[in-house]
Amino acid sequence: MATATSRSVNYWSQRACAKAFWGQQELPPYRELLRDTLAWLDPQPGQHWLDLGCGGGQLTRGLWELSGGTLAHIDALDCAAANEQALATLRRQMSPPAEDEIVFLHADFSHGLAGFGDSAIDGVVSGLAIHYAESFDAVSGRWTTAAYEALLGDVQRVLRPGASFVFSVCVPRANWWIVAYSSILGFFVSAHPLDYLKRAYRMLRYGSWLQSQVKIGRFHYLPIEVVREKITEAGFVAVEDRVSFAGQAYLIRCKKPQ
């Protein structure tokens, strides 16, 4: 049975955890995943997109720049309020510049997407985030996948017919040491090597916490067959997947039926 402590501590919402991941784009595995994810996106002028679990905002930036600054709106949603600062910094660096078109939403998607209307979104993207949707069943005293499944259903609901959902999730038994090892060469080309090492260490430390929470069923590093089953049950079609992130993540693309 989960303890009160394991139910209450969630580092994702804390500033220290958010800051540890702000520099992740310097690490080769993250650059690989970002590149692979952006290759599966096709933002069109005037569209409204949603970045679920936006973190430091790299996918939001990628969406904006892929569209040539023609998107009407991007909602960047995250449970860590500190990520609004990272997104504000990125917004100033975007080319072309972005202003009111990109909005940070401080919210926990474990509670769903009630703020979005049916078929209101033209595309949803998420990087290594949705498998952290958490739900605890007080009756059985166990963590469940209910919030994860409900979130998939909510994404399907808010997407317009024919729109895509592109997201990544960790593989079962994701090895954060492999991510760290794959990042070693980045130390030698980083403009700030000591900061680079600090970020790599912090992410490795948080990776250990994540694995402990996966083991008790709080977070969900699932086999691709199970992920595909849940996507299909949520009503998505045309499901594709590949491996990225130094072999530690599945990248998935699916569509809402027309």
Protein backbone atom coordinates (compact mmCIF):
# COMPACT_ATOMS: atom_id res chain seq x y z
CA MET A 1 0.00 0.00 0.00
CA ALA A 2 1.30 3.47 -0.84
CA THR A 3 2.34 5.62 2.08
CA ALA A 4 1.14 9.16 2.75
CA THR A 5 4.60 10.43 1.79
CA SER A 6 4.65 8.65 -1.56
CA ARG A 7 1.21 10.08 -2.32
CA SER A 8 2.15 13.66 -1.50
CA VAL A 9 5.63 14.27 -2.93
CA ASN A 10 5.70 15.20 -6.59
CA TYR A 11 8.89 16.92 -7.66
CA TRP A 12 7.48 17.80 -11.09
CA SER A 13 5.66 20.79 -9.64
CA GLN A 14 8.72 22.10 -7.81
CA ARG A 15 10.96 24.86 -9.13
CA ALA A 16 14.21 22.95 -8.51
CA CYS A 17 13.04 20.04 -10.65
CA ALA A 18 11.79 22.36 -13.40
CA LYS A 19 15.14 24.19 -13.50
CA ALA A 20 17.06 20.92 -13.69
CA PHE A 21 15.36 20.17 -16.99
CA TRP A 22 15.59 23.65 -18.55
CA GLY A 23 18.95 22.88 -20.11
CA GLN A 24 18.00 19.42 -21.33
CA GLN A 25 18.12 20.57 -24.95
CA GLU A 26 21.92 20.52 -24.66
CA LEU A 27 21.95 16.76 -24.02
CA PRO A 28 22.23 14.66 -27.21
CA PRO A 29 19.38 12.24 -26.32
CA TYR A 30 16.99 15.17 -25.83
CA ARG A 31 18.14 16.78 -29.06
CA GLU A 32 17.45 13.49 -30.83
CA LEU A 33 13.94 13.27 -29.37
CA LEU A 34 13.20 16.93 -30.13
CA ARG A 35 14.36 16.51 -33.72
CA ASP A 36 12.33 13.31 -34.19
CA THR A 37 9.21 14.86 -32.65
CA LEU A 38 9.36 18.02 -34.76
CA ALA A 39 9.75 15.89 -37.89
CA TRP A 40 6.29 14.42 -37.16
CA LEU A 41 4.58 17.80 -36.68
CA ASP A 42 2.86 19.79 -39.40
CA PRO A 43 1.54 23.07 -37.94
CA GLN A 44 -0.44 25.15 -40.41
CA PRO A 45 -1.16 28.91 -40.52
CA GLY A 46 -3.94 30.05 -38.22
CA GLN A 47 -4.07 26.87 -36.16
CA HIS A 48 -4.41 26.47 -32.37
CA TRP A 49 -2.01 23.96 -30.78
CA LEU A 50 -1.56 22.56 -27.28
CA ASP A 51 1.79 21.53 -25.75
CA LEU A 52 1.03 19.18 -22.83
CA GLY A 53 3.67 19.20 -20.11
CA CYS A 54 5.62 21.90 -21.92
CA GLY A 55 8.56 22.03 -19.50
CA GLY A 56 11.05 24.63 -20.67
CA GLY A 57 9.12 25.13 -23.91
CA GLN A 58 11.33 23.57 -26.58
CA LEU A 59 8.42 21.88 -28.38
CA THR A 60 6.41 25.09 -28.18
CA ARG A 61 9.31 26.95 -29.76
CA GLY A 62 9.64 24.24 -32.40
CA LEU A 63 5.96 24.46 -33.30
CA TRP A 64 6.14 28.22 -33.64
CA GLU A 65 9.25 28.21 -35.78
CA LEU A 66 8.06 25.30 -37.93
CA SER A 67 4.97 27.33 -38.78
CA GLY A 68 7.08 30.38 -39.59
CA GLY A 69 5.27 32.26 -36.86
CA THR A 70 1.89 31.78 -38.52
CA LEU A 71 0.11 29.82 -35.79
CA ALA A 72 -2.79 31.72 -34.24
CA HIS A 73 -2.23 30.33 -30.75
CA ILE A 74 -0.18 27.86 -28.70
CA ASP A 75 -1.21 26.89 -25.17
CA ALA A 76 1.82 25.62 -23.25
CA LEU A 77 0.51 23.73 -20.20
CA ASP A 78 2.59 22.51 -17.26
CA CYS A 79 2.16 21.75 -13.55
CA ALA A 80 5.35 23.65 -12.62
CA ALA A 81 4.66 27.39 -12.37
CA ALA A 82 8.40 28.05 -12.73
CA ASN A 83 8.27 26.95 -16.37
CA GLU A 84 6.48 30.19 -17.22
CA GLN A 85 9.85 31.91 -16.69
CA ALA A 86 11.65 29.51 -19.04
CA LEU A 87 8.97 29.97 -21.67
CA ALA A 88 9.16 33.75 -21.37
CA THR A 89 12.91 33.58 -22.03
CA LEU A 90 12.40 31.33 -25.04
CA ARG A 91 9.67 33.58 -26.41
CA ARG A 92 12.19 36.42 -26.74
CA GLN A 93 14.56 34.14 -28.66
CA MET A 94 12.04 32.80 -31.16
CA SER A 95 12.28 33.62 -34.82
CA PRO A 96 10.03 35.22 -35.85
CA PRO A 97 9.25 36.85 -32.46
CA ALA A 98 6.21 35.58 -30.57
CA GLU A 99 4.09 37.55 -28.13
CA ASP A 100 0.46 36.98 -27.19
CA GLU A 101 0.21 33.99 -29.54
CA ILE A 102 1.93 31.79 -26.92
CA VAL A 103 0.29 31.46 -23.51
CA PHE A 104 1.54 29.51 -20.49
CA LEU A 105 -1.14 27.62 -18.55
CA HIS A 106 -0.32 26.49 -15.03
CA ALA A 107 -2.34 23.30 -14.61
CA ASP A 108 -2.01 19.61 -13.77
CA PHE A 109 -3.24 17.45 -16.63
CA SER A 110 -3.81 14.62 -14.18
CA HIS A 111 -7.14 16.38 -13.60
CA GLY A 112 -8.00 16.49 -17.31
CA LEU A 113 -8.47 19.25 -19.87
CA ALA A 114 -11.80 20.66 -18.78
CA GLY A 115 -10.78 24.17 -19.83
CA PHE A 116 -10.77 23.21 -23.51
CA GLY A 117 -13.89 22.76 -25.60
CA ASP A 118 -14.73 19.79 -27.80
CA SER A 119 -12.86 19.78 -31.14
CA ALA A 120 -11.26 23.13 -30.24
CA ILE A 121 -7.60 22.24 -30.89
CA ASP A 122 -5.85 21.70 -34.24
CA GLY A 123 -2.97 19.65 -32.85
CA VAL A 124 -1.51 18.37 -29.58
CA VAL A 125 2.12 17.58 -28.82
CA SER A 126 3.72 16.27 -25.64
CA GLY A 127 7.30 15.35 -24.78
CA LEU A 128 7.90 12.69 -22.10
CA ALA A 129 5.00 13.96 -20.01
CA ILE A 130 1.62 12.26 -20.24
CA HIS A 131 2.80 9.05 -18.57
CA TYR A 132 3.12 11.13 -15.38
CA ALA A 133 -0.64 11.61 -15.12
CA GLU A 134 -1.36 10.22 -11.66
CA SER A 135 -4.41 8.86 -9.88
CA PHE A 136 -4.61 7.25 -6.44
CA ASP A 137 -7.49 4.98 -5.46
CA ALA A 138 -8.08 5.55 -1.75
CA VAL A 139 -10.34 2.48 -1.48
CA SER A 140 -7.73 0.00 -2.68
CA GLY A 141 -4.78 2.09 -1.49
CA ARG A 142 -3.13 1.84 -4.90
CA TRP A 143 -2.03 4.00 -7.77
CA THR A 144 -3.93 3.38 -11.01
CA THR A 145 -3.74 4.27 -14.72
CA ALA A 146 -7.16 5.96 -14.61
CA ALA A 147 -5.81 9.52 -15.01
CA TYR A 148 -3.52 8.45 -17.86
CA GLU A 149 -6.42 6.83 -19.71
CA ALA A 150 -8.74 9.76 -18.99
CA LEU A 151 -6.12 12.19 -20.33
CA LEU A 152 -5.86 10.25 -23.59
CA GLY A 153 -9.63 10.44 -23.89
CA ASP A 154 -9.60 14.15 -23.16
CA VAL A 155 -6.94 14.80 -25.80
CA GLN A 156 -9.10 12.96 -28.31
CA ARG A 157 -12.09 15.03 -27.25
CA VAL A 158 -10.44 18.43 -27.65
CA LEU A 159 -8.83 17.67 -31.01
CA ARG A 160 -10.70 18.59 -34.16
CA PRO A 161 -11.58 15.61 -36.43
CA GLY A 162 -8.57 14.48 -38.45
CA ALA A 163 -6.06 16.27 -36.19
CA SER A 164 -2.86 14.67 -34.88
CA PHE A 165 -1.55 13.87 -31.43
CA VAL A 166 2.24 13.45 -31.35
CA PHE A 167 3.80 12.46 -28.04
CA SER A 168 6.63 10.55 -26.40
CA VAL A 169 6.70 8.28 -23.36
CA CYS A 170 9.50 6.39 -21.64
CA VAL A 171 10.06 2.72 -22.40
CA PRO A 172 9.60 0.16 -19.60
CA ARG A 173 12.61 0.12 -17.28
CA ALA A 174 13.95 3.30 -18.89
CA ASN A 175 17.64 3.52 -18.06
CA TRP A 176 18.64 7.06 -17.12
CA TRP A 177 22.27 5.98 -16.95
CA ILE A 178 22.10 5.33 -20.70
CA VAL A 179 20.81 8.87 -21.17
CA ALA A 180 23.66 10.20 -19.03
CA TYR A 181 26.27 8.07 -20.83
CA SER A 182 24.93 9.16 -24.23
CA SER A 183 25.37 12.76 -23.11
CA ILE A 184 29.07 12.53 -22.27
CA LEU A 185 30.27 13.91 -25.61
CA GLY A 186 28.05 16.95 -25.10
CA PHE A 187 30.31 18.01 -22.25
CA PHE A 188 33.15 18.71 -24.67
CA VAL A 189 31.09 20.93 -26.98
CA SER A 190 29.02 22.75 -24.37
CA ALA A 191 29.61 26.48 -23.95
CA HIS A 192 29.18 25.96 -20.18
CA PRO A 193 30.58 22.48 -19.40
CA LEU A 194 30.23 22.70 -15.60
CA ASP A 195 26.57 23.74 -15.89
CA TYR A 196 26.15 20.91 -18.39
CA LEU A 197 27.45 18.37 -15.86
CA LYS A 198 25.22 19.78 -13.13
CA ARG A 199 22.13 19.42 -15.33
CA ALA A 200 23.07 15.88 -16.32
CA TYR A 201 23.56 14.93 -12.66
CA ARG A 202 20.29 16.52 -11.55
CA MET A 203 18.32 14.74 -14.27
CA LEU A 204 19.97 11.47 -13.30
CA ARG A 205 18.95 12.08 -9.68
CA TYR A 206 15.35 12.84 -10.63
CA GLY A 207 15.41 9.83 -12.92
CA SER A 208 16.03 7.64 -9.87
CA TRP A 209 12.97 9.15 -8.18
CA LEU A 210 10.88 8.59 -11.31
CA GLN A 211 11.87 4.93 -11.45
CA SER A 212 10.87 4.46 -7.82
CA GLN A 213 7.44 5.92 -8.59
CA VAL A 214 7.05 3.74 -11.67
CA LYS A 215 7.67 0.67 -9.52
CA ILE A 216 4.78 1.53 -7.20
CA GLY A 217 2.45 2.22 -10.14
CA ARG A 218 2.24 6.00 -9.76
CA PHE A 219 3.81 6.72 -13.17
CA HIS A 220 3.48 4.60 -16.27
CA TYR A 221 6.42 3.38 -18.35
CA LEU A 222 4.40 0.86 -20.34
CA PRO A 223 5.20 -1.57 -23.18
CA ILE A 224 4.40 -0.12 -26.60
CA GLU A 225 1.70 -2.78 -27.10
CA VAL A 226 -0.11 -1.50 -24.01
CA VAL A 227 0.30 2.14 -25.04
CA ARG A 228 -1.12 1.32 -28.48
CA GLU A 229 -4.07 -0.46 -26.86
CA LYS A 230 -4.84 2.54 -24.65
CA ILE A 231 -4.58 4.93 -27.61
CA THR A 232 -6.97 2.80 -29.62
CA GLU A 233 -9.40 2.53 -26.71
CA ALA A 234 -9.36 6.33 -26.47
CA GLY A 235 -10.61 6.48 -30.06
CA PHE A 236 -7.43 7.30 -32.00
CA VAL A 237 -6.58 5.80 -35.38
CA ALA A 238 -3.56 5.65 -37.73
CA VAL A 239 -1.17 4.89 -34.86
CA GLU A 240 2.55 5.00 -35.67
CA ASP A 241 5.51 4.62 -33.35
CA ARG A 242 9.30 4.63 -33.31
CA VAL A 243 12.09 4.63 -30.74
CA SER A 244 14.09 7.75 -29.84
CA PHE A 245 15.85 9.38 -26.85
CA ALA A 246 18.88 7.03 -26.94
CA GLY A 247 16.46 4.10 -27.12
CA GLN A 248 14.70 5.13 -23.90
CA ALA A 249 11.45 6.53 -25.31
CA TYR A 250 8.68 5.70 -27.73
CA LEU A 251 7.60 8.47 -30.08
CA ILE A 252 3.99 8.03 -31.18
CA ARG A 253 1.74 9.73 -33.72
CA CYS A 254 -1.98 9.11 -34.02
CA LYS A 255 -5.07 10.90 -35.30
CA LYS A 256 -8.60 11.62 -34.29
CA PRO A 257 -10.96 10.08 -36.87
CA GLN A 258 -12.52 12.39 -39.43
